[in-house]
Amino acid sequence: MLRERLLLYVYYFFLFVITAIAEIIGCYLPWLVVKQGRPLILLIPAVLALLIFSGLLTLHPAAAGRTYAAYGGIYVLVALAWLRWVEDISLGRDDYLGAFIIFMGVLVIMGQPLSKWLSK
């Protein structure tokens, strides 16, 4: 039972990560068009990425509000990774501390619906 629960945590965590990447791409491409004068054609993959993002959020068993709350924390973590690896901006000690605090909150939020869902 514990192994199944851990696998579900890992599955939903990575599903949130993929969801966050889709959302960031969907927002980053229009930013490139507006702020850096990149071609308008980038808006097409941006719309596709946002469609994927919204579809991925529906794959969670929890109530929508709880899913969005947990997702929001994962989004922050992925955004910090994006900042570091895509935009090549170094993270500071406070970024790491904030990411740790947010991650702990996500674990608490995700634990509620998973435990209820597994007990059925």
N, C-alpha and C. Protein backbone atom coordinates (compact mmCIF):
# COMPACT_ATOMS: atom_id res chain seq x y z
N MET A 1 0.81 -1.19 0.00
CA MET A 1 0.00 0.00 0.00
C MET A 1 0.86 1.27 0.00
N LEU A 2 1.90 1.27 0.82
CA LEU A 2 2.79 2.42 0.88
C LEU A 2 3.50 2.62 -0.46
N ARG A 3 3.91 1.52 -1.06
CA ARG A 3 4.58 1.60 -2.38
C ARG A 3 3.65 2.20 -3.42
N GLU A 4 2.38 1.77 -3.42
CA GLU A 4 1.40 2.31 -4.36
C GLU A 4 1.20 3.80 -4.14
N ARG A 5 1.12 4.19 -2.87
CA ARG A 5 0.93 5.61 -2.56
C ARG A 5 2.13 6.43 -3.05
N LEU A 6 3.32 5.95 -2.81
CA LEU A 6 4.51 6.67 -3.27
C LEU A 6 4.56 6.77 -4.79
N LEU A 7 4.19 5.69 -5.46
CA LEU A 7 4.15 5.74 -6.93
C LEU A 7 3.13 6.75 -7.43
N LEU A 8 1.99 6.85 -6.74
CA LEU A 8 0.99 7.85 -7.13
C LEU A 8 1.52 9.27 -6.91
N TYR A 9 2.20 9.49 -5.77
CA TYR A 9 2.80 10.80 -5.53
C TYR A 9 3.76 11.16 -6.66
N VAL A 10 4.62 10.22 -7.02
CA VAL A 10 5.60 10.47 -8.08
C VAL A 10 4.89 10.72 -9.40
N TYR A 11 3.89 9.91 -9.72
CA TYR A 11 3.14 10.08 -10.97
C TYR A 11 2.51 11.46 -11.04
N TYR A 12 1.78 11.86 -9.98
CA TYR A 12 1.11 13.15 -10.00
C TYR A 12 2.10 14.31 -9.94
N PHE A 13 3.21 14.13 -9.24
CA PHE A 13 4.22 15.17 -9.21
C PHE A 13 4.75 15.43 -10.62
N PHE A 14 5.11 14.36 -11.34
CA PHE A 14 5.63 14.55 -12.69
C PHE A 14 4.56 15.02 -13.66
N LEU A 15 3.32 14.63 -13.44
CA LEU A 15 2.22 15.15 -14.24
C LEU A 15 2.10 16.66 -14.04
N PHE A 16 2.23 17.11 -12.79
CA PHE A 16 2.23 18.55 -12.51
C PHE A 16 3.42 19.24 -13.18
N VAL A 17 4.59 18.61 -13.15
CA VAL A 17 5.77 19.20 -13.79
C VAL A 17 5.54 19.39 -15.28
N ILE A 18 5.02 18.36 -15.94
CA ILE A 18 4.74 18.46 -17.38
C ILE A 18 3.68 19.53 -17.65
N THR A 19 2.69 19.59 -16.77
CA THR A 19 1.64 20.60 -16.90
C THR A 19 2.24 22.00 -16.78
N ALA A 20 3.12 22.19 -15.81
CA ALA A 20 3.75 23.50 -15.62
C ALA A 20 4.62 23.88 -16.80
N ILE A 21 5.34 22.93 -17.35
CA ILE A 21 6.17 23.22 -18.53
C ILE A 21 5.29 23.66 -19.69
N ALA A 22 4.16 22.98 -19.87
CA ALA A 22 3.25 23.37 -20.96
C ALA A 22 2.72 24.79 -20.74
N GLU A 23 2.37 25.11 -19.50
CA GLU A 23 1.87 26.46 -19.22
C GLU A 23 2.95 27.52 -19.44
N ILE A 24 4.14 27.24 -18.95
CA ILE A 24 5.23 28.21 -19.11
C ILE A 24 5.55 28.43 -20.59
N ILE A 25 5.60 27.36 -21.36
CA ILE A 25 5.84 27.51 -22.80
C ILE A 25 4.72 28.33 -23.44
N GLY A 26 3.48 28.04 -23.04
CA GLY A 26 2.33 28.76 -23.59
C GLY A 26 2.35 30.24 -23.26
N CYS A 27 2.99 30.62 -22.19
CA CYS A 27 3.09 32.03 -21.82
C CYS A 27 4.42 32.65 -22.25
N TYR A 28 5.46 31.86 -22.32
CA TYR A 28 6.78 32.37 -22.68
C TYR A 28 6.86 32.74 -24.17
N LEU A 29 6.24 31.94 -25.01
CA LEU A 29 6.30 32.24 -26.45
C LEU A 29 5.63 33.57 -26.80
N PRO A 30 4.43 33.88 -26.28
CA PRO A 30 3.89 35.22 -26.54
C PRO A 30 4.75 36.33 -25.95
N TRP A 31 5.39 36.05 -24.81
CA TRP A 31 6.30 37.03 -24.22
C TRP A 31 7.44 37.33 -25.19
N LEU A 32 7.97 36.27 -25.83
CA LEU A 32 9.03 36.47 -26.82
C LEU A 32 8.55 37.31 -27.99
N VAL A 33 7.31 37.07 -28.41
CA VAL A 33 6.76 37.84 -29.54
C VAL A 33 6.62 39.31 -29.16
N VAL A 34 6.07 39.58 -27.99
CA VAL A 34 5.81 40.96 -27.58
C VAL A 34 7.08 41.68 -27.14
N LYS A 35 7.88 41.05 -26.32
CA LYS A 35 9.04 41.72 -25.72
C LYS A 35 10.30 41.70 -26.57
N GLN A 36 10.44 40.65 -27.41
CA GLN A 36 11.67 40.53 -28.18
C GLN A 36 11.44 40.57 -29.68
N GLY A 37 10.21 40.85 -30.09
CA GLY A 37 9.92 40.98 -31.51
C GLY A 37 10.07 39.70 -32.32
N ARG A 38 9.90 38.56 -31.67
CA ARG A 38 9.99 37.29 -32.38
C ARG A 38 8.77 37.13 -33.30
N PRO A 39 8.83 36.19 -34.26
CA PRO A 39 7.75 36.04 -35.25
C PRO A 39 6.41 35.65 -34.61
N LEU A 40 5.34 36.16 -35.19
CA LEU A 40 3.99 35.86 -34.70
C LEU A 40 3.64 34.38 -34.78
N ILE A 41 4.32 33.64 -35.63
CA ILE A 41 4.04 32.21 -35.79
C ILE A 41 4.23 31.47 -34.46
N LEU A 42 5.01 32.04 -33.54
CA LEU A 42 5.21 31.42 -32.23
C LEU A 42 3.93 31.36 -31.41
N LEU A 43 2.93 32.12 -31.81
CA LEU A 43 1.66 32.10 -31.07
C LEU A 43 0.91 30.78 -31.30
N ILE A 44 1.17 30.12 -32.41
CA ILE A 44 0.50 28.84 -32.68
C ILE A 44 0.94 27.77 -31.68
N PRO A 45 2.24 27.51 -31.52
CA PRO A 45 2.62 26.52 -30.50
C PRO A 45 2.26 26.99 -29.09
N ALA A 46 2.18 28.31 -28.87
CA ALA A 46 1.77 28.81 -27.56
C ALA A 46 0.34 28.39 -27.25
N VAL A 47 -0.55 28.53 -28.21
CA VAL A 47 -1.95 28.13 -28.01
C VAL A 47 -2.03 26.62 -27.80
N LEU A 48 -1.28 25.86 -28.57
CA LEU A 48 -1.28 24.40 -28.40
C LEU A 48 -0.77 24.00 -27.01
N ALA A 49 0.27 24.67 -26.55
CA ALA A 49 0.81 24.37 -25.22
C ALA A 49 -0.22 24.68 -24.14
N LEU A 50 -0.97 25.77 -24.29
CA LEU A 50 -1.98 26.11 -23.29
C LEU A 50 -3.16 25.14 -23.34
N LEU A 51 -3.48 24.62 -24.52
CA LEU A 51 -4.52 23.59 -24.60
C LEU A 51 -4.08 22.31 -23.90
N ILE A 52 -2.82 21.94 -24.10
CA ILE A 52 -2.27 20.76 -23.42
C ILE A 52 -2.28 20.99 -21.91
N PHE A 53 -1.86 22.16 -21.49
CA PHE A 53 -1.85 22.51 -20.07
C PHE A 53 -3.23 22.33 -19.45
N SER A 54 -4.25 22.88 -20.07
CA SER A 54 -5.59 22.78 -19.48
C SER A 54 -6.10 21.35 -19.48
N GLY A 55 -5.76 20.57 -20.49
CA GLY A 55 -6.16 19.17 -20.51
C GLY A 55 -5.47 18.35 -19.44
N LEU A 56 -4.20 18.62 -19.20
CA LEU A 56 -3.45 17.87 -18.20
C LEU A 56 -4.00 18.09 -16.79
N LEU A 57 -4.50 19.29 -16.52
CA LEU A 57 -5.05 19.56 -15.19
C LEU A 57 -6.29 18.72 -14.90
N THR A 58 -6.94 18.22 -15.92
CA THR A 58 -8.15 17.41 -15.71
C THR A 58 -7.83 15.96 -15.35
N LEU A 59 -6.58 15.55 -15.39
CA LEU A 59 -6.21 14.16 -15.16
C LEU A 59 -6.01 13.81 -13.68
N HIS A 60 -6.27 14.74 -12.79
CA HIS A 60 -6.07 14.50 -11.37
C HIS A 60 -7.38 14.12 -10.70
N PRO A 61 -7.33 13.19 -9.71
CA PRO A 61 -8.56 12.72 -9.07
C PRO A 61 -9.11 13.67 -8.02
N ALA A 62 -8.34 14.65 -7.60
CA ALA A 62 -8.76 15.54 -6.52
C ALA A 62 -9.72 16.61 -7.02
N ALA A 63 -10.35 17.27 -6.07
CA ALA A 63 -11.22 18.41 -6.39
C ALA A 63 -10.41 19.47 -7.11
N ALA A 64 -11.06 20.22 -7.98
CA ALA A 64 -10.36 21.19 -8.81
C ALA A 64 -9.55 22.18 -7.98
N GLY A 65 -10.14 22.74 -6.93
CA GLY A 65 -9.43 23.73 -6.13
C GLY A 65 -8.18 23.18 -5.49
N ARG A 66 -8.26 21.96 -4.96
CA ARG A 66 -7.09 21.34 -4.33
C ARG A 66 -6.03 21.03 -5.40
N THR A 67 -6.48 20.56 -6.55
CA THR A 67 -5.54 20.30 -7.64
C THR A 67 -4.82 21.58 -8.04
N TYR A 68 -5.56 22.68 -8.18
CA TYR A 68 -4.94 23.94 -8.57
C TYR A 68 -3.98 24.45 -7.50
N ALA A 69 -4.32 24.23 -6.23
CA ALA A 69 -3.44 24.67 -5.15
C ALA A 69 -2.12 23.91 -5.18
N ALA A 70 -2.20 22.59 -5.30
CA ALA A 70 -0.97 21.79 -5.37
C ALA A 70 -0.19 22.12 -6.64
N TYR A 71 -0.92 22.27 -7.75
CA TYR A 71 -0.26 22.61 -9.01
C TYR A 71 0.47 23.94 -8.90
N GLY A 72 -0.14 24.91 -8.23
CA GLY A 72 0.49 26.22 -8.09
C GLY A 72 1.87 26.13 -7.45
N GLY A 73 1.99 25.26 -6.46
CA GLY A 73 3.30 25.08 -5.83
C GLY A 73 4.31 24.47 -6.78
N ILE A 74 3.88 23.46 -7.52
CA ILE A 74 4.78 22.83 -8.49
C ILE A 74 5.14 23.83 -9.59
N TYR A 75 4.18 24.66 -9.98
CA TYR A 75 4.44 25.68 -10.99
C TYR A 75 5.58 26.59 -10.54
N VAL A 76 5.55 27.01 -9.28
CA VAL A 76 6.61 27.88 -8.76
C VAL A 76 7.97 27.18 -8.86
N LEU A 77 8.02 25.90 -8.50
CA LEU A 77 9.27 25.15 -8.58
C LEU A 77 9.78 25.05 -10.01
N VAL A 78 8.88 24.76 -10.94
CA VAL A 78 9.27 24.65 -12.35
C VAL A 78 9.67 26.02 -12.89
N ALA A 79 8.98 27.07 -12.47
CA ALA A 79 9.34 28.42 -12.92
C ALA A 79 10.75 28.79 -12.46
N LEU A 80 11.10 28.40 -11.25
CA LEU A 80 12.46 28.67 -10.78
C LEU A 80 13.49 27.87 -11.58
N ALA A 81 13.15 26.62 -11.90
CA ALA A 81 14.05 25.81 -12.74
C ALA A 81 14.18 26.44 -14.12
N TRP A 82 13.07 26.92 -14.66
CA TRP A 82 13.08 27.60 -15.96
C TRP A 82 13.99 28.82 -15.90
N LEU A 83 13.84 29.60 -14.85
CA LEU A 83 14.67 30.80 -14.67
C LEU A 83 16.15 30.44 -14.69
N ARG A 84 16.48 29.35 -14.02
CA ARG A 84 17.88 28.94 -13.92
C ARG A 84 18.41 28.36 -15.23
N TRP A 85 17.67 27.42 -15.82
CA TRP A 85 18.21 26.66 -16.94
C TRP A 85 17.85 27.22 -18.31
N VAL A 86 16.73 27.88 -18.45
CA VAL A 86 16.37 28.44 -19.76
C VAL A 86 16.84 29.88 -19.87
N GLU A 87 16.57 30.66 -18.83
CA GLU A 87 16.95 32.07 -18.87
C GLU A 87 18.34 32.32 -18.31
N ASP A 88 18.99 31.27 -17.79
CA ASP A 88 20.37 31.31 -17.29
C ASP A 88 20.59 32.38 -16.22
N ILE A 89 19.65 32.46 -15.29
CA ILE A 89 19.76 33.39 -14.17
C ILE A 89 19.97 32.56 -12.90
N SER A 90 21.00 32.90 -12.17
CA SER A 90 21.33 32.14 -10.95
C SER A 90 20.26 32.37 -9.88
N LEU A 91 19.99 31.30 -9.15
CA LEU A 91 19.05 31.38 -8.04
C LEU A 91 19.81 31.69 -6.76
N GLY A 92 19.16 32.41 -5.87
CA GLY A 92 19.78 32.75 -4.60
C GLY A 92 19.31 31.83 -3.48
N ARG A 93 19.90 32.03 -2.33
CA ARG A 93 19.55 31.23 -1.15
C ARG A 93 18.06 31.33 -0.84
N ASP A 94 17.49 32.52 -0.97
CA ASP A 94 16.06 32.71 -0.69
C ASP A 94 15.18 31.97 -1.69
N ASP A 95 15.63 31.88 -2.93
CA ASP A 95 14.89 31.10 -3.93
C ASP A 95 14.81 29.64 -3.51
N TYR A 96 15.94 29.11 -3.08
CA TYR A 96 15.98 27.70 -2.65
C TYR A 96 15.16 27.47 -1.39
N LEU A 97 15.25 28.40 -0.44
CA LEU A 97 14.46 28.28 0.79
C LEU A 97 12.96 28.33 0.47
N GLY A 98 12.57 29.29 -0.36
CA GLY A 98 11.17 29.39 -0.75
C GLY A 98 10.69 28.15 -1.48
N ALA A 99 11.53 27.62 -2.36
CA ALA A 99 11.17 26.40 -3.09
C ALA A 99 10.98 25.23 -2.14
N PHE A 100 11.83 25.13 -1.13
CA PHE A 100 11.69 24.04 -0.16
C PHE A 100 10.39 24.17 0.62
N ILE A 101 10.08 25.38 1.08
CA ILE A 101 8.84 25.60 1.83
C ILE A 101 7.63 25.28 0.97
N ILE A 102 7.65 25.73 -0.27
CA ILE A 102 6.54 25.45 -1.18
C ILE A 102 6.40 23.95 -1.43
N PHE A 103 7.52 23.27 -1.62
CA PHE A 103 7.47 21.83 -1.86
C PHE A 103 6.86 21.09 -0.68
N MET A 104 7.20 21.49 0.53
CA MET A 104 6.61 20.85 1.71
C MET A 104 5.09 21.08 1.72
N GLY A 105 4.66 22.27 1.37
CA GLY A 105 3.23 22.56 1.30
C GLY A 105 2.52 21.71 0.25
N VAL A 106 3.15 21.54 -0.88
CA VAL A 106 2.59 20.70 -1.94
C VAL A 106 2.42 19.27 -1.46
N LEU A 107 3.40 18.75 -0.74
CA LEU A 107 3.30 17.38 -0.23
C LEU A 107 2.11 17.23 0.72
N VAL A 108 1.90 18.22 1.56
CA VAL A 108 0.78 18.18 2.49
C VAL A 108 -0.55 18.22 1.73
N ILE A 109 -0.66 19.13 0.78
CA ILE A 109 -1.91 19.27 0.01
C ILE A 109 -2.18 18.02 -0.81
N MET A 110 -1.15 17.49 -1.46
CA MET A 110 -1.34 16.31 -2.29
C MET A 110 -1.69 15.08 -1.47
N GLY A 111 -1.23 15.02 -0.24
CA GLY A 111 -1.47 13.86 0.61
C GLY A 111 -2.93 13.64 0.96
N GLN A 112 -3.70 14.71 1.04
CA GLN A 112 -5.11 14.58 1.42
C GLN A 112 -5.94 13.81 0.40
N PRO A 113 -5.98 14.26 -0.84
CA PRO A 113 -6.84 13.54 -1.79
C PRO A 113 -6.31 12.17 -2.16
N LEU A 114 -5.00 12.00 -2.14
CA LEU A 114 -4.46 10.69 -2.49
C LEU A 114 -4.83 9.66 -1.43
N SER A 115 -4.76 10.05 -0.16
CA SER A 115 -5.10 9.09 0.88
C SER A 115 -6.57 8.74 0.84
N LYS A 116 -7.43 9.69 0.55
CA LYS A 116 -8.86 9.41 0.43
C LYS A 116 -9.15 8.55 -0.79
N TRP A 117 -8.47 8.87 -1.89
CA TRP A 117 -8.69 8.15 -3.14
C TRP A 117 -8.22 6.71 -3.02
N LEU A 118 -7.10 6.49 -2.32
CA LEU A 118 -6.56 5.13 -2.17
C LEU A 118 -7.40 4.28 -1.22
N SER A 119 -8.08 4.91 -0.28
CA SER A 119 -8.84 4.13 0.70
C SER A 119 -10.18 3.64 0.13
N LYS A 120 -10.55 4.08 -1.04
CA LYS A 120 -11.82 3.65 -1.64
C LYS A 120 -11.72 2.25 -2.19
